[in-house]
Structure formats: C-alpha cells, structure tokens
C-alpha atoms as a PDB file:
ATOM      1  CA  MET A   1       0.000   0.000   0.000  1.00  0.00           C
ATOM      2  CA  LYS A   2       2.788   2.447   0.885  1.00  0.00           C
ATOM      3  CA  ASN A   3       4.408   1.856  -2.512  1.00  0.00           C
ATOM      4  CA  PHE A   4       1.182   2.869  -4.214  1.00  0.00           C
ATOM      5  CA  PHE A   5       1.141   6.258  -2.486  1.00  0.00           C
ATOM      6  CA  ILE A   6       4.846   6.839  -2.967  1.00  0.00           C
ATOM      7  CA  LYS A   7       4.557   6.013  -6.664  1.00  0.00           C
ATOM      8  CA  ARG A   8       1.637   8.427  -7.079  1.00  0.00           C
ATOM      9  CA  TYR A   9       3.632  11.188  -5.423  1.00  0.00           C
ATOM     10  CA  ILE A  10       6.684  10.505  -7.575  1.00  0.00           C
ATOM     11  CA  ASP A  11       4.568  10.499 -10.731  1.00  0.00           C
ATOM     12  CA  LYS A  12       3.645  14.110  -9.952  1.00  0.00           C
ATOM     13  CA  LEU A  13       7.183  15.179  -9.031  1.00  0.00           C
ATOM     14  CA  THR A  14       8.815  17.854 -11.207  1.00  0.00           C
ATOM     15  CA  ILE A  15      12.370  19.053 -11.670  1.00  0.00           C
ATOM     16  CA  GLN A  16      11.289  22.319 -10.064  1.00  0.00           C
ATOM     17  CA  ASP A  17      10.177  20.358  -6.979  1.00  0.00           C
ATOM     18  CA  VAL A  18      13.662  18.847  -6.740  1.00  0.00           C
ATOM     19  CA  LYS A  19      15.303  22.263  -7.111  1.00  0.00           C
ATOM     20  CA  SER A  20      13.009  23.887  -4.561  1.00  0.00           C
ATOM     21  CA  PHE A  21      13.507  21.128  -2.006  1.00  0.00           C
ATOM     22  CA  ALA A  22      17.269  21.271  -2.413  1.00  0.00           C
ATOM     23  CA  THR A  23      17.345  25.055  -2.161  1.00  0.00           C
ATOM     24  CA  SER A  24      15.145  25.027   0.947  1.00  0.00           C
ATOM     25  CA  ASN A  25      17.755  22.723   2.502  1.00  0.00           C
ATOM     26  CA  ASN A  26      20.725  24.909   1.534  1.00  0.00           C
ATOM     27  CA  ILE A  27      21.796  22.721  -1.370  1.00  0.00           C
ATOM     28  CA  ILE A  28      22.426  24.570  -4.602  1.00  0.00           C
ATOM     29  CA  LEU A  29      22.113  22.285  -7.609  1.00  0.00           C
ATOM     30  CA  THR A  30      23.066  22.981 -11.177  1.00  0.00           C
ATOM     31  CA  GLU A  31      20.480  22.309 -13.842  1.00  0.00           C
ATOM     32  CA  GLU A  32      22.323  19.103 -14.732  1.00  0.00           C
ATOM     33  CA  GLN A  33      22.380  17.952 -11.103  1.00  0.00           C
ATOM     34  CA  SER A  34      18.677  18.710 -10.685  1.00  0.00           C
ATOM     35  CA  ILE A  35      17.842  16.658 -13.756  1.00  0.00           C
ATOM     36  CA  TYR A  36      20.104  13.835 -12.585  1.00  0.00           C
ATOM     37  CA  ILE A  37      18.440  13.641  -9.159  1.00  0.00           C
ATOM     38  CA  PHE A  38      14.992  13.943 -10.735  1.00  0.00           C
ATOM     39  CA  ASN A  39      15.696  11.017 -13.072  1.00  0.00           C
ATOM     40  CA  LEU A  40      17.247   9.010 -10.262  1.00  0.00           C
ATOM     41  CA  ILE A  41      14.117   9.464  -8.148  1.00  0.00           C
ATOM     42  CA  LYS A  42      11.737   8.762 -11.032  1.00  0.00           C
ATOM     43  CA  ASN A  43      13.532   5.641 -12.230  1.00  0.00           C
ATOM     44  CA  ASP A  44      14.999   4.170  -9.052  1.00  0.00           C
ATOM     45  CA  TRP A  45      12.766   5.254  -6.193  1.00  0.00           C
ATOM     46  CA  GLN A  46      12.295   1.710  -4.843  1.00  0.00           C
ATOM     47  CA  GLN A  47      16.030   1.163  -4.828  1.00  0.00           C
ATOM     48  CA  ILE A  48      16.506   4.508  -3.079  1.00  0.00           C
ATOM     49  CA  LEU A  49      14.095   3.519  -0.314  1.00  0.00           C
ATOM     50  CA  ASN A  50      15.679   0.120   0.240  1.00  0.00           C
ATOM     51  CA  ASN A  51      19.385   0.628  -0.331  1.00  0.00           C
ATOM     52  CA  ASP A  52      21.297   3.566   1.157  1.00  0.00           C
ATOM     53  CA  THR A  53      24.527   2.874  -0.660  1.00  0.00           C
ATOM     54  CA  TYR A  54      22.925   2.707  -4.100  1.00  0.00           C
ATOM     55  CA  VAL A  55      21.707   6.292  -4.203  1.00  0.00           C
ATOM     56  CA  LEU A  56      24.646   7.731  -2.310  1.00  0.00           C
ATOM     57  CA  ASN A  57      27.185   6.068  -4.597  1.00  0.00           C
ATOM     58  CA  LYS A  58      25.342   7.386  -7.638  1.00  0.00           C
ATOM     59  CA  ILE A  59      25.412  10.909  -6.209  1.00  0.00           C
ATOM     60  CA  LYS A  60      29.104  10.667  -5.263  1.00  0.00           C
ATOM     61  CA  GLU A  61      29.947   9.607  -8.820  1.00  0.00           C
ATOM     62  CA  LYS A  62      28.337  12.711 -10.330  1.00  0.00           C
ATOM     63  CA  PHE A  63      28.554  15.502  -7.759  1.00  0.00           C
ATOM     64  CA  ASP A  64      31.337  17.421  -6.061  1.00  0.00           C
ATOM     65  CA  CYS A  65      32.307  16.414  -2.528  1.00  0.00           C
ATOM     66  CA  GLU A  66      30.531  19.265  -0.739  1.00  0.00           C
ATOM     67  CA  THR A  67      27.210  18.729  -2.524  1.00  0.00           C
ATOM     68  CA  SER A  68      27.460  14.951  -2.060  1.00  0.00           C
ATOM     69  CA  LYS A  69      27.931  15.372   1.678  1.00  0.00           C
ATOM     70  CA  LYS A  70      24.956  17.716   1.928  1.00  0.00           C
ATOM     71  CA  VAL A  71      22.756  15.332  -0.044  1.00  0.00           C
ATOM     72  CA  GLU A  72      23.913  12.389   2.089  1.00  0.00           C
ATOM     73  CA  LYS A  73      23.157  14.265   5.310  1.00  0.00           C
ATOM     74  CA  LEU A  74      19.702  15.213   4.030  1.00  0.00           C
ATOM     75  CA  TYR A  75      19.032  11.663   2.837  1.00  0.00           C
ATOM     76  CA  TYR A  76      19.746  10.182   6.273  1.00  0.00           C
ATOM     77  CA  GLU A  77      17.871  12.952   8.048  1.00  0.00           C
ATOM     78  CA  TYR A  78      14.696  12.279   6.079  1.00  0.00           C
ATOM     79  CA  LYS A  79      15.114   8.523   6.134  1.00  0.00           C
ATOM     80  CA  LYS A  80      15.266   8.671   9.930  1.00  0.00           C
ATOM     81  CA  LYS A  81      12.346  11.094  10.113  1.00  0.00           C
ATOM     82  CA  TYR A  82      10.091   8.857   7.998  1.00  0.00           C
ATOM     83  CA  GLN A  83      11.444   5.406   8.868  1.00  0.00           C
ATOM     84  CA  ASN A  84       8.235   4.396  10.638  1.00  0.00           C
ATOM     85  CA  TYR A  85       6.248   5.041   7.466  1.00  0.00           C
ATOM     86  CA  LEU A  86       8.744   3.297   5.193  1.00  0.00           C
ATOM     87  CA  SER A  87       9.148   0.056   7.139  1.00  0.00           C
END
C-alpha cells in the first residue's frame, strides 16, 4: 500500500520540486544535477528507499564532494524522520 502512495507522489514530481527542495535545505544544484536527481528518483525510487549505498554512490559519482555530503546528510535525516512510514 505504501508503494502505491509513494509512486503516485513521484509520478507528480517535477524538476522544479527537486530544485526547490534542495534550495530550501541549503543545497544549490546545477540544472544538470537537478535533472540527474529527478531522473534518479523517477527511475529508481524503490532502490533509493531500500538501499542507502545505491543512491549515495550514484550521487558521489556525479557531484562534487561538498554537494554529495549535503545530499547524504539530508538523505539520512529524512530517512530517519520517515522510517516508521517506510518500514
């Protein structure tokens, strides 16, 4: 059931949503980075929810160290915040 709701939310997600969320969390993304994260979420959202290293390794491959660390921190922060809903 949770996957149904997550999928519906992701189907409505836009690149602007990704940019706005990042900016609101003090992460400045280039257009290319925004598109990369957007596509990663759209195509691999189940993997992202179930495998920390998958998404973080993908980000580290493409982004500079500072941005990668900020994204990683945010990822774990939100994963912890919503873990009860994702289990």
